[in-house]
C-alpha atoms as a PDB file:
ATOM      1  CA  LEU A   1     -20.818 206.340   5.908  1.00  0.00           C
ATOM      2  CA  GLY A   2     -22.223 209.790   6.642  1.00  0.00           C
ATOM      3  CA  VAL A   3     -20.651 212.772   8.728  1.00  0.00           C
ATOM      4  CA  TYR A   4     -23.636 212.242  11.476  1.00  0.00           C
ATOM      5  CA  GLU A   5     -23.436 208.477  11.428  1.00  0.00           C
ATOM      6  CA  ALA A   6     -19.441 208.841  11.866  1.00  0.00           C
ATOM      7  CA  LEU A   7     -19.903 211.122  14.827  1.00  0.00           C
ATOM      8  CA  LEU A   8     -22.529 208.842  16.356  1.00  0.00           C
ATOM      9  CA  ILE A   9     -20.235 205.823  16.002  1.00  0.00           C
ATOM     10  CA  THR A  10     -17.475 207.819  17.772  1.00  0.00           C
ATOM     11  CA  GLY A  11     -19.557 208.783  20.701  1.00  0.00           C
ATOM     12  CA  GLY A  12     -21.784 211.427  19.441  1.00  0.00           C
ATOM     13  CA  MET A  13     -21.853 215.280  20.217  1.00  0.00           C
ATOM     14  CA  ASN A  14     -22.167 216.694  23.548  1.00  0.00           C
ATOM     15  CA  LYS A  15     -24.137 219.844  24.771  1.00  0.00           C
ATOM     16  CA  PHE A  16     -21.109 222.110  23.719  1.00  0.00           C
ATOM     17  CA  ALA A  17     -21.075 220.885  20.172  1.00  0.00           C
ATOM     18  CA  ARG A  18     -21.597 223.505  17.467  1.00  0.00           C
ATOM     19  CA  GLU A  19     -23.796 221.100  15.179  1.00  0.00           C
ATOM     20  CA  ASP A  20     -24.712 223.921  12.833  1.00  0.00           C
ATOM     21  CA  ARG A  21     -20.971 224.549  11.844  1.00  0.00           C
ATOM     22  CA  VAL A  22     -19.423 221.082  11.444  1.00  0.00           C
ATOM     23  CA  GLU A  23     -16.463 221.255   9.385  1.00  0.00           C
ATOM     24  CA  ILE A  24     -15.137 218.599   6.875  1.00  0.00           C
ATOM     25  CA  PHE A  25     -11.594 218.877   5.622  1.00  0.00           C
ATOM     26  CA  ARG A  26     -10.997 216.968   2.333  1.00  0.00           C
ATOM     27  CA  THR A  27      -7.866 216.976   0.054  1.00  0.00           C
ATOM     28  CA  ASP A  28      -8.857 217.620  -3.613  1.00  0.00           C
ATOM     29  CA  ASN A  29      -7.291 216.200  -6.821  1.00  0.00           C
ATOM     30  CA  GLN A  30      -4.428 218.760  -6.814  1.00  0.00           C
ATOM     31  CA  GLY A  31      -3.484 217.980  -3.180  1.00  0.00           C
ATOM     32  CA  ARG A  32      -4.932 221.035  -1.740  1.00  0.00           C
ATOM     33  CA  ARG A  33      -7.033 220.836   1.525  1.00  0.00           C
ATOM     34  CA  ARG A  34     -10.573 222.106   1.255  1.00  0.00           C
ATOM     35  CA  ARG A  35     -13.029 222.964   3.997  1.00  0.00           C
ATOM     36  CA  ALA A  36     -16.793 222.595   3.844  1.00  0.00           C
ATOM     37  CA  VAL A  37     -19.182 223.684   6.536  1.00  0.00           C
ATOM     38  CA  VAL A  38     -22.117 221.592   7.284  1.00  0.00           C
ATOM     39  CA  ASP A  39     -25.147 222.059   9.375  1.00  0.00           C
ATOM     40  CA  LEU A  40     -26.114 218.497  10.707  1.00  0.00           C
ATOM     41  CA  ARG A  41     -29.286 219.918  12.606  1.00  0.00           C
ATOM     42  CA  PRO A  42     -31.665 218.938   9.552  1.00  0.00           C
ATOM     43  CA  VAL A  43     -29.703 215.567   9.201  1.00  0.00           C
ATOM     44  CA  ARG A  44     -30.455 214.770  12.960  1.00  0.00           C
ATOM     45  CA  ILE A  45     -34.106 215.295  12.594  1.00  0.00           C
ATOM     46  CA  GLY A  46     -34.511 213.552   9.212  1.00  0.00           C
ATOM     47  CA  GLN A  47     -34.848 216.488   7.018  1.00  0.00           C
ATOM     48  CA  ALA A  48     -31.907 216.325   5.056  1.00  0.00           C
ATOM     49  CA  ASP A  49     -29.253 213.621   3.783  1.00  0.00           C
ATOM     50  CA  ASP A  50     -26.082 212.729   5.737  1.00  0.00           C
ATOM     51  CA  PRO A  51     -23.081 213.984   4.009  1.00  0.00           C
ATOM     52  CA  PRO A  52     -20.950 211.091   2.949  1.00  0.00           C
ATOM     53  CA  VAL A  53     -17.458 210.933   4.423  1.00  0.00           C
ATOM     54  CA  GLY A  54     -14.585 210.023   2.131  1.00  0.00           C
ATOM     55  CA  GLU A  55     -11.205 208.363   2.751  1.00  0.00           C
ATOM     56  CA  GLY A  56      -8.875 210.842   4.434  1.00  0.00           C
ATOM     57  CA  ASP A  57     -11.646 213.206   5.372  1.00  0.00           C
ATOM     58  CA  VAL A  58     -11.236 215.014   8.633  1.00  0.00           C
ATOM     59  CA  ILE A  59     -14.368 216.047  10.738  1.00  0.00           C
ATOM     60  CA  HIS A  60     -13.960 219.052  13.127  1.00  0.00           C
ATOM     61  CA  VAL A  61     -16.857 219.903  15.395  1.00  0.00           C
ATOM     62  CA  PRO A  62     -16.394 223.326  17.149  1.00  0.00           C
ATOM     63  CA  GLU A  63     -17.442 224.145  20.455  1.00  0.00           C
ATOM     64  CA  LYS A  64     -20.286 226.654  21.362  1.00  0.00           C
ATOM     65  CA  VAL A  65     -19.325 229.867  23.389  1.00  0.00           C
ATOM     66  CA  PHE A  66     -20.329 229.183  26.964  1.00  0.00           C
ATOM     67  CA  GLY A  67     -22.628 226.278  25.902  1.00  0.00           C
ATOM     68  CA  PHE A  68     -25.334 228.295  24.375  1.00  0.00           C
END
């Protein structure tokens, strides 16, 4: 399961979604929470692979300012 696929399963992104700054929070082996920022635009148009989602990952899609 990939990040983009997981978002589609849960209803997709609306026009206010910042798909170029999707954050993935993952806990490492030492128990520290790490953040990775992913641009899903190339994934959406088929130019990049969908980053895999791991158990316990949290995906956060920030909002655009004023919908632009």
